[in-house]
Amino acid sequence: MASNEPKTARIDARMPESVHLLLVRAAELQGRTLSDFVVCSAREAAEEAIAKHEIIHLSVSDQERFADALLNPPPVSDALRRAAARHENVIEPS
């Protein structure tokens, strides 16, 4: 973990002995401490989980429909004009 950020937070975890031995072995194979291996692996997993949650995947046809809507937007409806006016009056009064 190549971070100069001070290490002040802690985490404790209970696990089966077999999992502990597996983590120790993996850390040794990478020439890292168990703590460094666990923290780096957890960070990578957390970043991946967050990225998967935040990224929207569209099919090719959905991508085409999205691009078409951006390039050729539908005309503004009366309901949208009224909503924009209400927003301006309520949220951004002059």
N, C-alpha and C. Protein backbone atom coordinates (compact mmCIF):
# COMPACT_ATOMS: atom_id res chain seq x y z
N MET A 1 0.85 -1.17 0.00
CA MET A 1 0.00 0.00 0.00
C MET A 1 0.89 1.23 0.00
N ALA A 2 0.89 1.95 -1.12
CA ALA A 2 1.79 3.08 -1.27
C ALA A 2 1.09 4.37 -0.89
N SER A 3 0.71 4.48 0.36
CA SER A 3 0.02 5.69 0.82
C SER A 3 0.80 6.31 1.96
N ASN A 4 0.93 7.63 1.91
CA ASN A 4 1.60 8.35 2.99
C ASN A 4 0.60 8.78 4.06
N GLU A 5 -0.64 8.42 3.86
CA GLU A 5 -1.70 8.77 4.82
C GLU A 5 -1.43 8.04 6.14
N PRO A 6 -1.54 8.74 7.27
CA PRO A 6 -1.28 8.08 8.55
C PRO A 6 -2.29 6.97 8.81
N LYS A 7 -1.82 5.90 9.41
CA LYS A 7 -2.66 4.75 9.69
C LYS A 7 -3.19 4.87 11.11
N THR A 8 -4.44 5.31 11.22
CA THR A 8 -5.02 5.53 12.54
C THR A 8 -6.24 4.66 12.81
N ALA A 9 -6.88 4.13 11.78
CA ALA A 9 -8.08 3.32 11.96
C ALA A 9 -7.70 1.85 12.08
N ARG A 10 -8.55 1.10 12.80
CA ARG A 10 -8.29 -0.32 13.00
C ARG A 10 -9.52 -1.12 12.64
N ILE A 11 -9.29 -2.40 12.35
CA ILE A 11 -10.39 -3.32 12.11
C ILE A 11 -10.01 -4.68 12.71
N ASP A 12 -10.97 -5.33 13.34
CA ASP A 12 -10.77 -6.68 13.87
C ASP A 12 -11.73 -7.60 13.12
N ALA A 13 -11.28 -8.80 12.88
CA ALA A 13 -12.14 -9.76 12.19
C ALA A 13 -11.94 -11.15 12.77
N ARG A 14 -13.02 -11.82 13.04
CA ARG A 14 -12.98 -13.22 13.46
C ARG A 14 -13.21 -14.06 12.21
N MET A 15 -12.42 -15.12 12.05
CA MET A 15 -12.53 -15.96 10.87
C MET A 15 -12.09 -17.37 11.22
N PRO A 16 -12.49 -18.33 10.40
CA PRO A 16 -12.00 -19.70 10.62
C PRO A 16 -10.48 -19.76 10.44
N GLU A 17 -9.86 -20.65 11.15
CA GLU A 17 -8.40 -20.82 11.07
C GLU A 17 -7.96 -21.08 9.63
N SER A 18 -8.77 -21.81 8.87
CA SER A 18 -8.40 -22.13 7.48
C SER A 18 -8.32 -20.86 6.63
N VAL A 19 -9.20 -19.91 6.87
CA VAL A 19 -9.17 -18.64 6.13
C VAL A 19 -7.94 -17.85 6.54
N HIS A 20 -7.63 -17.84 7.83
CA HIS A 20 -6.45 -17.13 8.32
C HIS A 20 -5.18 -17.69 7.67
N LEU A 21 -5.08 -19.01 7.62
CA LEU A 21 -3.90 -19.63 7.01
C LEU A 21 -3.82 -19.31 5.52
N LEU A 22 -4.95 -19.26 4.86
CA LEU A 22 -4.98 -18.91 3.45
C LEU A 22 -4.48 -17.48 3.22
N LEU A 23 -4.92 -16.56 4.06
CA LEU A 23 -4.49 -15.17 3.95
C LEU A 23 -2.99 -15.02 4.24
N VAL A 24 -2.52 -15.72 5.26
CA VAL A 24 -1.10 -15.68 5.60
C VAL A 24 -0.27 -16.20 4.43
N ARG A 25 -0.70 -17.30 3.83
CA ARG A 25 0.04 -17.88 2.71
C ARG A 25 0.07 -16.92 1.52
N ALA A 26 -1.06 -16.30 1.21
CA ALA A 26 -1.13 -15.36 0.09
C ALA A 26 -0.23 -14.16 0.35
N ALA A 27 -0.23 -13.66 1.57
CA ALA A 27 0.62 -12.51 1.92
C ALA A 27 2.09 -12.88 1.77
N GLU A 28 2.45 -14.08 2.23
CA GLU A 28 3.85 -14.52 2.12
C GLU A 28 4.27 -14.63 0.66
N LEU A 29 3.39 -15.14 -0.18
CA LEU A 29 3.72 -15.29 -1.60
C LEU A 29 3.97 -13.95 -2.27
N GLN A 30 3.31 -12.92 -1.77
CA GLN A 30 3.51 -11.58 -2.33
C GLN A 30 4.58 -10.79 -1.58
N GLY A 31 5.17 -11.38 -0.57
CA GLY A 31 6.21 -10.69 0.18
C GLY A 31 5.68 -9.52 0.98
N ARG A 32 4.45 -9.65 1.49
CA ARG A 32 3.82 -8.56 2.24
C ARG A 32 3.44 -9.06 3.62
N THR A 33 3.19 -8.11 4.49
CA THR A 33 2.68 -8.49 5.81
C THR A 33 1.22 -8.89 5.65
N LEU A 34 0.71 -9.65 6.59
CA LEU A 34 -0.69 -10.05 6.56
C LEU A 34 -1.58 -8.81 6.59
N SER A 35 -1.24 -7.88 7.43
CA SER A 35 -2.04 -6.66 7.55
C SER A 35 -2.08 -5.90 6.23
N ASP A 36 -0.93 -5.73 5.60
CA ASP A 36 -0.86 -5.01 4.33
C ASP A 36 -1.66 -5.75 3.26
N PHE A 37 -1.52 -7.07 3.22
CA PHE A 37 -2.25 -7.87 2.23
C PHE A 37 -3.76 -7.73 2.41
N VAL A 38 -4.23 -7.84 3.64
CA VAL A 38 -5.67 -7.77 3.92
C VAL A 38 -6.21 -6.38 3.59
N VAL A 39 -5.50 -5.34 4.01
CA VAL A 39 -5.97 -3.98 3.77
C VAL A 39 -6.01 -3.70 2.27
N CYS A 40 -4.95 -4.05 1.54
CA CYS A 40 -4.93 -3.80 0.10
C CYS A 40 -6.01 -4.60 -0.63
N SER A 41 -6.18 -5.86 -0.24
CA SER A 41 -7.20 -6.69 -0.88
C SER A 41 -8.60 -6.16 -0.59
N ALA A 42 -8.84 -5.75 0.64
CA ALA A 42 -10.15 -5.21 1.00
C ALA A 42 -10.41 -3.91 0.26
N ARG A 43 -9.38 -3.08 0.14
CA ARG A 43 -9.54 -1.82 -0.57
C ARG A 43 -9.87 -2.06 -2.03
N GLU A 44 -9.17 -2.98 -2.69
CA GLU A 44 -9.45 -3.30 -4.08
C GLU A 44 -10.88 -3.82 -4.24
N ALA A 45 -11.31 -4.69 -3.33
CA ALA A 45 -12.67 -5.23 -3.39
C ALA A 45 -13.70 -4.12 -3.17
N ALA A 46 -13.42 -3.20 -2.26
CA ALA A 46 -14.35 -2.10 -2.00
C ALA A 46 -14.45 -1.17 -3.21
N GLU A 47 -13.32 -0.84 -3.81
CA GLU A 47 -13.34 0.03 -4.99
C GLU A 47 -14.10 -0.62 -6.14
N GLU A 48 -13.91 -1.93 -6.32
CA GLU A 48 -14.62 -2.65 -7.37
C GLU A 48 -16.12 -2.69 -7.11
N ALA A 49 -16.51 -2.93 -5.86
CA ALA A 49 -17.93 -2.97 -5.50
C ALA A 49 -18.58 -1.61 -5.73
N ILE A 50 -17.90 -0.55 -5.37
CA ILE A 50 -18.44 0.80 -5.57
C ILE A 50 -18.54 1.11 -7.06
N ALA A 51 -17.51 0.78 -7.83
CA ALA A 51 -17.53 1.04 -9.27
C ALA A 51 -18.67 0.28 -9.94
N LYS A 52 -18.88 -0.98 -9.57
CA LYS A 52 -19.97 -1.77 -10.14
C LYS A 52 -21.32 -1.14 -9.82
N HIS A 53 -21.43 -0.58 -8.64
CA HIS A 53 -22.69 0.03 -8.22
C HIS A 53 -22.94 1.34 -8.96
N GLU A 54 -21.90 2.09 -9.27
CA GLU A 54 -22.04 3.42 -9.84
C GLU A 54 -22.08 3.44 -11.36
N ILE A 55 -21.65 2.38 -12.02
CA ILE A 55 -21.60 2.36 -13.48
C ILE A 55 -22.90 1.78 -14.03
N ILE A 56 -23.45 2.46 -15.01
CA ILE A 56 -24.66 2.00 -15.67
C ILE A 56 -24.25 1.28 -16.95
N HIS A 57 -24.70 0.05 -17.11
CA HIS A 57 -24.41 -0.73 -18.30
C HIS A 57 -25.65 -0.74 -19.19
N LEU A 58 -25.48 -0.34 -20.44
CA LEU A 58 -26.59 -0.30 -21.39
C LEU A 58 -26.31 -1.26 -22.55
N SER A 59 -27.37 -1.86 -23.04
CA SER A 59 -27.23 -2.67 -24.25
C SER A 59 -26.95 -1.74 -25.42
N VAL A 60 -26.55 -2.30 -26.54
CA VAL A 60 -26.26 -1.48 -27.72
C VAL A 60 -27.51 -0.71 -28.13
N SER A 61 -28.66 -1.36 -28.12
CA SER A 61 -29.88 -0.65 -28.53
C SER A 61 -30.22 0.46 -27.54
N ASP A 62 -30.00 0.22 -26.24
CA ASP A 62 -30.24 1.28 -25.24
C ASP A 62 -29.26 2.44 -25.43
N GLN A 63 -28.01 2.13 -25.77
CA GLN A 63 -27.03 3.18 -26.03
C GLN A 63 -27.47 4.03 -27.22
N GLU A 64 -27.96 3.37 -28.25
CA GLU A 64 -28.41 4.10 -29.44
C GLU A 64 -29.62 4.97 -29.12
N ARG A 65 -30.57 4.43 -28.34
CA ARG A 65 -31.74 5.21 -27.96
C ARG A 65 -31.35 6.41 -27.10
N PHE A 66 -30.39 6.22 -26.19
CA PHE A 66 -29.92 7.31 -25.33
C PHE A 66 -29.26 8.40 -26.18
N ALA A 67 -28.37 7.99 -27.08
CA ALA A 67 -27.69 8.96 -27.94
C ALA A 67 -28.69 9.70 -28.83
N ASP A 68 -29.68 8.97 -29.34
CA ASP A 68 -30.69 9.60 -30.19
C ASP A 68 -31.49 10.63 -29.39
N ALA A 69 -31.83 10.30 -28.15
CA ALA A 69 -32.57 11.25 -27.31
C ALA A 69 -31.75 12.50 -27.02
N LEU A 70 -30.43 12.35 -26.88
CA LEU A 70 -29.57 13.53 -26.68
C LEU A 70 -29.46 14.37 -27.94
N LEU A 71 -29.33 13.68 -29.08
CA LEU A 71 -29.15 14.40 -30.35
C LEU A 71 -30.46 14.97 -30.90
N ASN A 72 -31.55 14.28 -30.59
CA ASN A 72 -32.86 14.70 -31.09
C ASN A 72 -33.87 14.71 -29.94
N PRO A 73 -33.73 15.66 -29.03
CA PRO A 73 -34.62 15.66 -27.86
C PRO A 73 -36.06 15.93 -28.28
N PRO A 74 -37.03 15.36 -27.54
CA PRO A 74 -38.42 15.64 -27.85
C PRO A 74 -38.74 17.09 -27.52
N PRO A 75 -39.79 17.63 -28.12
CA PRO A 75 -40.15 19.01 -27.81
C PRO A 75 -40.55 19.16 -26.34
N VAL A 76 -40.33 20.35 -25.80
CA VAL A 76 -40.65 20.61 -24.40
C VAL A 76 -42.18 20.68 -24.26
N SER A 77 -42.70 19.91 -23.33
CA SER A 77 -44.15 19.87 -23.14
C SER A 77 -44.60 21.01 -22.22
N ASP A 78 -45.90 21.28 -22.25
CA ASP A 78 -46.45 22.31 -21.37
C ASP A 78 -46.23 21.94 -19.90
N ALA A 79 -46.37 20.65 -19.58
CA ALA A 79 -46.17 20.20 -18.20
C ALA A 79 -44.75 20.48 -17.74
N LEU A 80 -43.77 20.28 -18.60
CA LEU A 80 -42.38 20.55 -18.24
C LEU A 80 -42.16 22.05 -18.06
N ARG A 81 -42.77 22.85 -18.91
CA ARG A 81 -42.65 24.31 -18.76
C ARG A 81 -43.23 24.76 -17.41
N ARG A 82 -44.39 24.21 -17.04
CA ARG A 82 -45.01 24.57 -15.75
C ARG A 82 -44.13 24.11 -14.58
N ALA A 83 -43.56 22.92 -14.69
CA ALA A 83 -42.68 22.41 -13.63
C ALA A 83 -41.45 23.30 -13.49
N ALA A 84 -40.88 23.73 -14.61
CA ALA A 84 -39.70 24.61 -14.57
C ALA A 84 -40.06 25.94 -13.92
N ALA A 85 -41.24 26.47 -14.23
CA ALA A 85 -41.66 27.74 -13.64
C ALA A 85 -41.87 27.58 -12.13
N ARG A 86 -42.49 26.46 -11.71
CA ARG A 86 -42.68 26.22 -10.27
C ARG A 86 -41.33 26.08 -9.57
N HIS A 87 -40.42 25.39 -10.21
CA HIS A 87 -39.08 25.21 -9.63
C HIS A 87 -38.42 26.57 -9.43
N GLU A 88 -38.52 27.41 -10.44
CA GLU A 88 -37.90 28.74 -10.36
C GLU A 88 -38.52 29.55 -9.23
N ASN A 89 -39.83 29.45 -9.05
CA ASN A 89 -40.51 30.21 -8.01
C ASN A 89 -40.26 29.66 -6.61
N VAL A 90 -40.18 28.34 -6.49
CA VAL A 90 -40.03 27.73 -5.16
C VAL A 90 -38.57 27.59 -4.76
N ILE A 91 -37.76 27.07 -5.65
CA ILE A 91 -36.38 26.76 -5.31
C ILE A 91 -35.46 27.96 -5.50
N GLU A 92 -35.68 28.72 -6.53
CA GLU A 92 -34.78 29.83 -6.84
C GLU A 92 -35.57 31.15 -6.95
N PRO A 93 -36.26 31.55 -5.87
CA PRO A 93 -37.02 32.80 -5.97
C PRO A 93 -36.09 34.00 -6.14
N SER A 94 -36.58 35.00 -6.87
CA SER A 94 -35.72 36.17 -7.10
C SER A 94 -35.83 37.19 -6.03
